[in-house]
Protein backbone atom coordinates (compact mmCIF):
# COMPACT_ATOMS: atom_id res chain seq x y z
CA MET A 1 -51.84 89.79 200.74
CA GLN A 2 -49.34 87.59 198.95
CA ARG A 3 -50.18 88.93 195.55
CA LEU A 4 -49.52 92.45 196.38
CA MET A 5 -46.39 91.69 198.10
CA ARG A 6 -45.19 89.93 194.70
CA MET A 7 -46.34 92.79 192.67
CA ILE A 8 -44.25 95.12 194.93
CA PHE A 9 -41.13 92.92 195.11
CA LEU A 10 -41.41 92.70 190.93
CA LEU A 11 -42.22 96.53 190.30
CA THR A 12 -38.93 96.81 192.87
CA PHE A 13 -36.65 94.22 191.05
CA LEU A 14 -37.67 95.59 187.75
CA ALA A 15 -36.74 99.42 188.74
CA LEU A 16 -33.52 97.89 190.61
CA SER A 17 -32.70 96.05 187.32
CA GLN A 18 -33.11 98.85 185.09
CA SER A 19 -30.77 100.55 187.49
CA SER A 20 -28.21 97.93 186.96
CA TYR A 21 -29.02 97.90 183.38
CA ALA A 22 -27.98 101.46 183.01
CA GLN A 23 -24.85 100.75 184.84
CA GLY A 24 -24.18 97.31 184.30
CA LYS A 25 -21.67 95.04 181.84
CA TRP A 26 -22.73 93.42 178.43
CA LYS A 27 -20.86 90.24 177.72
CA PRO A 28 -20.33 89.56 173.98
CA ILE A 29 -21.77 85.92 173.38
CA PHE A 30 -20.73 86.26 169.64
CA ASN A 31 -16.93 86.59 169.47
CA GLY A 32 -17.04 87.87 165.46
CA LYS A 33 -14.50 85.08 164.44
CA ASN A 34 -16.33 82.25 164.54
CA LEU A 35 -19.33 80.33 166.15
CA LYS A 36 -17.64 78.98 169.24
CA GLY A 37 -20.35 78.57 171.92
CA TRP A 38 -23.32 77.82 169.66
CA ASP A 39 -25.09 74.48 168.36
CA LEU A 40 -27.26 74.96 164.98
CA LYS A 41 -30.26 73.01 164.10
CA ILE A 42 -31.66 73.11 160.53
CA ARG A 43 -35.02 71.36 159.79
CA GLY A 44 -34.65 67.88 157.91
CA TYR A 45 -30.79 67.84 159.31
CA ALA A 46 -28.81 66.61 162.01
CA LEU A 47 -27.89 68.74 165.00
CA ASN A 48 -24.55 71.03 163.98
CA GLU A 49 -25.01 69.90 160.45
CA ASN A 50 -24.93 73.15 158.60
CA PHE A 51 -26.52 72.53 155.31
CA GLY A 52 -25.39 75.17 153.01
CA ASN A 53 -23.26 76.97 155.03
CA THR A 54 -26.39 78.87 156.15
CA PHE A 55 -24.69 79.94 159.30
CA ARG A 56 -21.14 81.72 159.07
CA VAL A 57 -19.11 84.68 160.19
CA VAL A 58 -18.20 87.25 157.33
CA ASP A 59 -16.50 90.18 157.74
CA GLY A 60 -16.97 89.72 161.87
CA LYS A 61 -20.49 89.59 161.36
CA LEU A 62 -22.60 86.39 162.21
CA GLN A 63 -24.66 85.71 158.87
CA VAL A 64 -27.26 83.94 157.65
CA GLY A 65 -27.32 83.15 154.05
CA TYR A 66 -29.04 80.66 151.46
CA GLU A 67 -26.35 80.81 148.28
CA GLY A 68 -26.36 77.01 148.91
CA TYR A 69 -30.48 76.34 148.65
CA THR A 70 -31.97 75.35 145.03
CA ASP A 71 -35.11 75.57 147.02
CA PHE A 72 -35.54 76.75 150.47
CA ASN A 73 -38.02 74.04 151.17
CA GLU A 74 -39.30 75.31 154.60
CA GLN A 75 -35.87 74.16 155.78
CA PHE A 76 -35.95 76.57 159.01
CA GLY A 77 -32.83 77.07 160.82
CA HIS A 78 -32.08 78.23 164.46
CA ILE A 79 -28.24 79.21 165.96
CA PHE A 80 -28.64 78.60 170.08
CA TYR A 81 -26.26 80.08 172.04
CA LYS A 82 -25.41 76.93 174.45
CA LYS A 83 -25.74 78.39 177.99
CA PRO A 84 -29.19 78.78 179.12
CA PHE A 85 -30.17 82.10 180.94
CA SER A 86 -33.03 83.02 183.31
CA HIS A 87 -32.82 86.62 184.49
CA TYR A 88 -30.95 88.54 181.79
CA ILE A 89 -30.90 91.19 178.95
CA VAL A 90 -29.89 90.03 175.38
CA ALA A 91 -29.14 92.69 172.81
CA ALA A 92 -28.84 91.92 169.02
CA GLU A 93 -28.01 94.58 166.47
CA TYR A 94 -29.06 93.42 162.68
CA ARG A 95 -30.27 94.35 159.50
CA PHE A 96 -31.24 92.39 156.41
CA ILE A 97 -29.62 92.07 153.31
CA GLY A 98 -29.82 90.88 149.78
CA LYS A 99 -32.72 88.53 148.46
CA GLN A 100 -35.09 86.11 149.79
CA ALA A 101 -33.94 82.14 149.21
CA PRO A 102 -35.98 80.64 146.20
CA ASN A 103 -39.47 79.66 147.39
CA GLY A 104 -39.00 81.36 151.03
CA PRO A 105 -42.63 81.85 152.43
CA ASP A 106 -44.06 85.32 151.64
CA TRP A 107 -44.42 85.87 155.12
CA ALA A 108 -40.62 85.49 156.05
CA TYR A 109 -39.80 88.13 153.71
CA LYS A 110 -37.16 90.12 156.07
CA ASN A 111 -38.22 87.96 158.46
CA SER A 112 -36.51 86.76 161.49
CA GLY A 113 -36.03 86.86 164.97
CA ILE A 114 -34.61 86.27 168.78
CA MET A 115 -35.92 83.26 170.59
CA ILE A 116 -35.48 83.20 174.17
CA HIS A 117 -36.60 81.02 176.87
CA GLY A 118 -36.33 78.13 174.70
CA GLN A 119 -35.40 74.49 174.38
CA THR A 120 -31.97 73.18 173.75
CA ALA A 121 -30.99 72.63 170.03
CA ALA A 122 -30.06 68.93 171.27
CA SER A 123 -33.85 68.01 172.45
CA MET A 124 -35.13 69.22 168.62
CA GLY A 125 -36.68 66.74 166.64
CA LYS A 126 -34.93 65.91 163.62
CA ASP A 127 -38.03 67.53 161.24
CA GLN A 128 -39.00 69.92 164.11
CA ASP A 129 -39.45 73.67 162.37
CA PHE A 130 -39.19 75.84 165.25
CA PRO A 131 -38.05 75.21 169.12
CA ILE A 132 -40.63 75.61 171.66
CA SER A 133 -40.21 79.18 172.67
CA ILE A 134 -41.10 82.69 172.85
CA GLU A 135 -40.04 84.88 169.22
CA VAL A 136 -38.73 88.27 169.46
CA GLN A 137 -39.82 88.78 165.62
CA LEU A 138 -37.52 90.90 163.86
CA LEU A 139 -38.83 92.54 160.74
CA GLY A 140 -37.66 94.72 157.97
CA GLY A 141 -39.55 97.38 156.04
CA ASP A 142 -39.22 98.69 152.49
CA ALA A 143 -39.32 102.49 151.08
CA THR A 144 -42.81 102.50 151.45
CA GLY A 145 -45.46 100.92 153.96
CA GLU A 146 -45.31 100.15 157.99
CA ARG A 147 -43.70 97.31 159.38
CA THR A 148 -43.01 97.14 163.12
CA THR A 149 -40.01 94.92 164.62
CA ALA A 150 -39.70 93.34 167.80
CA ASN A 151 -43.03 91.89 167.97
CA LEU A 152 -44.10 88.92 170.14
CA CYS A 153 -44.81 85.63 168.34
CA THR A 154 -45.21 82.30 170.24
CA PRO A 155 -44.24 78.95 168.90
CA GLY A 156 -46.05 76.14 171.16
CA THR A 157 -45.89 78.83 174.09
CA HIS A 158 -48.47 81.56 175.61
CA VAL A 159 -48.18 84.54 177.36
CA VAL A 160 -50.00 87.07 179.72
CA MET A 161 -50.88 90.59 178.87
CA ASN A 162 -52.71 92.95 180.35
CA ASN A 163 -53.71 90.31 182.96
CA LYS A 164 -55.19 87.93 180.31
CA LEU A 165 -53.81 84.52 178.70
CA PHE A 166 -52.65 85.79 175.19
CA LYS A 167 -53.50 82.83 172.78
CA ASP A 168 -52.98 84.47 169.59
CA HIS A 169 -49.81 83.76 167.62
CA CYS A 170 -48.46 86.93 167.07
CA ILE A 171 -49.09 90.78 168.27
CA ASN A 172 -47.16 93.48 166.64
CA SER A 173 -44.96 95.92 168.81
CA LYS A 174 -45.42 100.09 168.54
CA SER A 175 -42.16 100.15 167.47
CA LYS A 176 -41.22 102.10 164.06
CA THR A 177 -40.31 100.94 160.87
CA TYR A 178 -36.94 100.10 160.22
CA ARG A 179 -36.14 100.23 156.47
CA ASP A 180 -33.66 98.54 153.60
CA GLU A 181 -30.51 97.87 155.08
CA GLU A 182 -30.41 100.21 158.32
CA TRP A 183 -28.98 98.69 161.57
CA VAL A 184 -31.22 98.32 164.41
CA ARG A 185 -30.57 97.47 167.71
CA VAL A 186 -33.19 95.04 169.62
CA GLU A 187 -32.83 94.61 173.63
CA VAL A 188 -35.02 92.06 175.34
CA MET A 189 -35.18 92.29 179.06
CA VAL A 190 -36.03 88.84 181.14
CA LEU A 191 -36.90 88.46 184.24
CA GLY A 192 -37.81 84.48 184.65
CA ASP A 193 -41.20 84.05 184.25
CA SER A 194 -42.25 87.56 185.79
CA ILE A 195 -41.51 90.37 183.30
CA VAL A 196 -40.37 90.58 179.69
CA LYS A 197 -39.89 93.75 177.71
CA HIS A 198 -38.99 94.58 174.07
CA ILE A 199 -36.75 97.57 173.62
CA VAL A 200 -35.61 98.92 169.93
CA ASN A 201 -33.19 101.39 169.61
CA GLY A 202 -34.18 102.49 173.51
CA ASP A 203 -37.44 102.52 173.19
CA THR A 204 -39.75 100.27 175.04
CA VAL A 205 -42.28 98.75 172.74
CA LEU A 206 -43.66 95.72 174.18
CA THR A 207 -44.04 94.26 177.62
CA TYR A 208 -45.85 91.02 178.93
CA SER A 209 -45.56 88.17 181.80
CA LYS A 210 -45.67 84.65 182.48
CA PRO A 211 -44.19 83.07 179.43
CA GLN A 212 -45.30 79.33 179.37
CA ILE A 213 -45.61 76.44 177.35
CA GLY A 214 -49.32 76.10 175.01
CA GLY A 215 -50.63 76.44 171.66
CA GLY A 216 -49.67 75.10 168.35
CA VAL A 217 -47.46 76.76 165.79
CA VAL A 218 -44.66 74.21 166.19
CA SER A 219 -44.33 70.89 164.40
CA GLY A 220 -42.24 67.84 164.95
CA TYR A 221 -41.25 68.07 168.46
CA ASP A 222 -41.34 65.51 171.04
CA PRO A 223 -44.14 65.27 173.24
CA ALA A 224 -42.39 65.13 176.24
CA ASP A 225 -41.05 68.56 175.75
CA LYS A 226 -44.61 70.23 175.44
CA LYS A 227 -45.70 70.47 178.84
CA ASP A 228 -48.91 72.58 178.21
CA GLY A 229 -48.92 75.38 181.09
CA GLN A 230 -45.76 74.89 182.19
CA LEU A 231 -43.76 78.36 182.91
CA LEU A 232 -40.66 79.05 181.65
CA THR A 233 -38.31 80.24 184.11
CA SER A 234 -35.12 80.18 181.79
CA GLY A 235 -34.03 78.47 178.48
CA THR A 236 -31.87 78.90 175.34
CA ILE A 237 -31.36 82.05 173.22
CA SER A 238 -31.37 81.43 169.65
CA LEU A 239 -31.41 83.31 166.48
CA GLN A 240 -33.57 82.28 163.28
CA SER A 241 -32.94 81.02 159.37
CA GLU A 242 -36.63 82.04 157.61
CA SER A 243 -34.96 82.35 154.26
CA HIS A 244 -34.18 86.11 154.07
CA PRO A 245 -30.18 86.69 154.68
CA ILE A 246 -29.30 88.61 157.69
CA GLU A 247 -26.34 89.71 159.59
CA PHE A 248 -25.91 90.37 163.61
CA ARG A 249 -22.57 92.52 163.93
CA LYS A 250 -23.35 92.02 168.18
CA VAL A 251 -25.16 89.72 169.97
CA GLU A 252 -24.49 90.33 173.75
CA VAL A 253 -25.89 89.46 177.37
CA MET A 254 -26.10 90.96 180.59
CA ASN A 255 -26.94 88.36 182.97
CA LEU A 256 -28.92 89.56 186.06
CA GLU A 257 -29.13 86.23 187.52
CA LYS A 258 -26.32 86.87 190.50
CA TYR A 259 -28.39 90.37 191.60
CA TYR A 260 -31.78 87.96 191.45
CA ARG A 261 -30.12 85.76 193.72
CA LYS A 262 -28.98 88.22 196.12
CA LYS A 263 -32.15 90.09 196.01
CA GLN A 264 -33.94 86.96 197.19
CA LYS A 265 -31.88 86.21 200.02
């Protein structure tokens, strides 16, 4: 009975959240002027050491670039919004530009991501590659071939999908392919540890639940931060640097926490 009531509550909350979503207000977390409110962490460097001017603002856009690199050398980076969130919708409008950094991994071609429910930048080890988090993988296509975006990847995490614990590292969404330097809007609805939805240009392309710590595909972390089986109810939002230039013209959040608390009373 408790399980049934919980499911009814979640479905009701999701429906109401979507209604609130239709009428809600977006708050920009990137101001279009500077990186105020964000922390940087690049593998091999100290917190907020912006090696090679990797993260910068150009013409009002948050840009990730590699002109200062002679060899990418697996120097994966992330830019973290400092405030954590629990129940929210995050949206990013992005496009891939330019050429991949020298010696960037083949798999990282036109590859970036929005990391949700992540650890803080300050808690990452100096040589840690990725934050323990859920990755909404952003991919770009070329003139031919198919390549979905808003896929799911899981650095140091698992999720539940179709009532089963999903332990593979990545799974593709059902999005279409977005080619060349086309702008794409990805939204991610995150309701604590209950439901996560990936939405691309208005279409829901992937849904899962119970994000939690577990598995591998992350290195250099403090073992105290990786408590396998622990559900992720909140965390940071970050954007990736994985060797292919990308720019974001908008990053915004709709915070549903106040509404959720009201429903809990």
